[in-house]
Amino acid sequence: MLKPRKIPTREQMLQQMAGLCAKCEQCEHDLREKMRKKGLPGADADAVIDFLYDHNFLNESRFAHAYASDKHRFNGWGRIKIRMMLGMKRVSRDCIDDALGALDEKEYMEILQTLVNAKARDLDLSDAKDRAKLLRSLDGRGFEPALIVKAMRRSGED
C-alpha cells in the first residue's frame, strides 16, 4: 500500500528552492512547477517566489542571459530556438531580447561556422539535396536561414 505523500512546509520549500537557485540560475516558471509537483499550495508558492525575488536568488534577466549563453555555447543553439525556449519558460520579451542581444556576434558566427563545417564533411554541398539537409539541420537548431546560407558559402570556399 502506498503511503500518502507528505507535503513540504513553506519553510522547507523555501530552503530547497533557495538552495537550488544558489547552485545555478533558475526561472520562476520552473520553480513554480517543482513546487506544484510537490503539492505546495499556491499561496505558499507565491510567498516562496516573492522571497526569492526579494533576496535576489531569483532574477529573470540574469537567468535569461545565463540560459542564452549556455545553450548557445554548449548546445550549439541559435537565437530562434533560444527565444522559443525562453518564451516557453515564460521569460518576458524584454529579458529575452536583452539576453539575445548580449550574445557575442563573432562567437555566434564562429559556432555556426563550426557546425556547418562539421556537418558539411559528410555531405556534398554541390548537391541541392545535401545543401537542403544541412540547412534543415541548422534551422532546427534555431539559426537564422540567411546566416546559415552565408556560413555554407564560406564553407564551400575552404
Protein backbone atom coordinates (compact mmCIF):
# COMPACT_ATOMS: atom_id res chain seq x y z
CA MET A 1 0.00 0.00 0.00
CA LEU A 2 1.27 3.46 -0.90
CA LYS A 3 1.98 5.92 1.85
CA PRO A 4 0.33 9.30 1.42
CA ARG A 5 2.75 11.85 0.06
CA LYS A 6 3.99 14.31 2.65
CA ILE A 7 3.58 17.91 1.51
CA PRO A 8 6.56 20.08 2.47
CA THR A 9 6.05 23.19 4.54
CA ARG A 10 6.57 26.65 3.12
CA GLU A 11 9.85 26.95 5.06
CA GLN A 12 11.15 23.59 3.80
CA MET A 13 10.29 24.52 0.25
CA LEU A 14 11.87 27.96 0.68
CA GLN A 15 15.15 26.35 1.76
CA GLN A 16 15.01 23.84 -1.07
CA MET A 17 14.30 26.45 -3.75
CA ALA A 18 16.88 28.90 -2.37
CA GLY A 19 19.47 26.11 -2.42
CA LEU A 20 18.57 25.29 -6.00
CA CYS A 21 18.87 28.95 -7.00
CA ALA A 22 22.23 29.22 -5.24
CA LYS A 23 23.60 26.33 -7.33
CA CYS A 24 22.55 27.63 -10.73
CA GLU A 25 20.23 30.18 -12.30
CA GLN A 26 16.56 29.23 -12.24
CA CYS A 27 13.40 30.73 -13.68
CA GLU A 28 10.15 31.37 -11.87
CA HIS A 29 8.18 29.04 -14.14
CA ASP A 30 10.41 26.03 -13.41
CA LEU A 31 10.40 26.68 -9.66
CA ARG A 32 6.62 27.02 -9.58
CA GLU A 33 6.33 23.74 -11.46
CA LYS A 34 8.63 21.98 -8.96
CA MET A 35 6.59 23.33 -6.03
CA ARG A 36 3.31 22.35 -7.69
CA LYS A 37 4.55 18.79 -8.20
CA LYS A 38 5.48 18.59 -4.52
CA GLY A 39 1.96 19.71 -3.60
CA LEU A 40 2.75 23.13 -2.13
CA PRO A 41 -0.37 25.34 -2.08
CA GLY A 42 -0.40 28.30 -4.47
CA ALA A 43 -0.31 30.96 -1.75
CA ASP A 44 2.75 29.34 -0.19
CA ALA A 45 4.42 29.06 -3.60
CA ASP A 46 3.75 32.78 -4.17
CA ALA A 47 5.37 33.60 -0.82
CA VAL A 48 8.44 31.48 -1.68
CA ILE A 49 8.78 33.15 -5.09
CA ASP A 50 8.41 36.63 -3.54
CA PHE A 51 11.14 35.83 -1.00
CA LEU A 52 13.46 34.53 -3.73
CA TYR A 53 12.99 37.71 -5.79
CA ASP A 54 13.36 39.98 -2.75
CA HIS A 55 16.63 38.33 -1.74
CA ASN A 56 17.99 38.17 -5.31
CA PHE A 57 18.04 34.38 -5.50
CA LEU A 58 15.76 34.71 -8.50
CA ASN A 59 16.37 37.23 -11.27
CA GLU A 60 14.67 36.85 -14.64
CA SER A 61 17.22 38.90 -16.55
CA ARG A 62 20.17 37.07 -15.04
CA PHE A 63 18.51 33.73 -15.84
CA ALA A 64 17.81 34.73 -19.46
CA HIS A 65 21.43 35.81 -20.01
CA ALA A 66 22.85 32.62 -18.48
CA TYR A 67 20.40 30.40 -20.36
CA ALA A 68 21.06 32.07 -23.73
CA SER A 69 24.82 31.96 -23.29
CA ASP A 70 24.91 28.34 -22.11
CA LYS A 71 22.52 26.99 -24.74
CA HIS A 72 24.45 28.74 -27.49
CA ARG A 73 27.93 27.77 -26.32
CA PHE A 74 27.32 24.26 -25.07
CA ASN A 75 24.33 23.07 -27.11
CA GLY A 76 25.00 24.96 -30.34
CA TRP A 77 21.58 26.59 -30.41
CA GLY A 78 20.76 29.66 -32.47
CA ARG A 79 18.76 32.73 -31.47
CA ILE A 80 15.44 31.43 -32.80
CA LYS A 81 15.46 28.28 -30.67
CA ILE A 82 16.75 30.13 -27.60
CA ARG A 83 13.96 32.72 -27.99
CA MET A 84 11.34 29.99 -28.30
CA MET A 85 12.60 28.05 -25.27
CA LEU A 86 12.84 31.14 -23.07
CA GLY A 87 9.31 32.04 -24.16
CA MET A 88 8.15 28.58 -23.07
CA LYS A 89 9.68 29.30 -19.67
CA ARG A 90 7.55 32.47 -19.61
CA VAL A 91 10.51 34.85 -19.54
CA SER A 92 9.50 38.39 -20.53
CA ARG A 93 10.10 39.54 -24.10
CA ASP A 94 12.34 42.39 -22.90
CA CYS A 95 14.60 40.00 -20.97
CA ILE A 96 14.76 37.64 -23.95
CA ASP A 97 15.65 40.46 -26.33
CA ASP A 98 18.30 41.75 -23.94
CA ALA A 99 19.83 38.28 -23.46
CA LEU A 100 19.94 37.55 -27.18
CA GLY A 101 21.40 40.98 -27.85
CA ALA A 102 24.18 40.23 -25.38
CA LEU A 103 25.38 37.18 -27.33
CA ASP A 104 28.74 37.96 -28.90
CA GLU A 105 28.18 38.20 -32.67
CA LYS A 106 31.67 36.98 -33.56
CA GLU A 107 31.35 33.94 -31.29
CA TYR A 108 27.82 33.29 -32.62
CA MET A 109 29.10 33.16 -36.19
CA GLU A 110 32.13 31.05 -35.21
CA ILE A 111 29.89 28.43 -33.58
CA LEU A 112 27.57 28.41 -36.60
CA GLN A 113 30.57 28.07 -38.96
CA THR A 114 31.98 25.22 -36.87
CA LEU A 115 28.64 23.40 -37.04
CA VAL A 116 28.39 23.96 -40.81
CA ASN A 117 31.93 22.71 -41.39
CA ALA A 118 31.41 19.63 -39.21
CA LYS A 119 28.16 18.65 -40.91
CA ALA A 120 29.43 19.53 -44.41
CA ARG A 121 32.23 16.95 -44.12
CA ASP A 122 29.69 14.17 -44.61
CA LEU A 123 27.76 15.95 -47.34
CA ASP A 124 28.31 17.07 -50.92
CA LEU A 125 27.41 20.77 -50.88
CA SER A 126 27.29 20.83 -54.68
CA ASP A 127 24.19 18.60 -54.37
CA ALA A 128 20.95 20.51 -53.74
CA LYS A 129 19.55 17.73 -51.51
CA ASP A 130 22.61 17.79 -49.28
CA ARG A 131 22.51 21.59 -49.05
CA ALA A 132 18.83 21.38 -48.08
CA LYS A 133 19.65 18.70 -45.50
CA LEU A 134 22.32 20.92 -43.94
CA LEU A 135 20.00 23.93 -43.98
CA ARG A 136 17.20 21.96 -42.27
CA SER A 137 19.60 20.62 -39.66
CA LEU A 138 20.85 24.06 -38.66
CA ASP A 139 17.40 25.58 -38.96
CA GLY A 140 16.27 23.00 -36.38
CA ARG A 141 18.99 24.27 -34.06
CA GLY A 142 17.47 27.72 -34.32
CA PHE A 143 19.90 29.56 -36.57
CA GLU A 144 18.65 32.20 -38.96
CA PRO A 145 18.39 30.88 -42.55
CA ALA A 146 20.29 33.85 -44.05
CA LEU A 147 23.21 33.26 -41.66
CA ILE A 148 23.19 29.53 -42.42
CA VAL A 149 23.43 30.21 -46.16
CA LYS A 150 26.24 32.70 -45.54
CA ALA A 151 28.15 30.13 -43.47
CA MET A 152 27.53 27.43 -46.09
CA ARG A 153 29.01 29.69 -48.78
CA ARG A 154 32.02 30.34 -46.58
CA SER A 155 32.42 26.59 -46.02
CA GLY A 156 32.37 25.98 -49.77
CA GLU A 157 35.23 28.47 -50.22
CA ASP A 158 37.55 26.47 -47.96
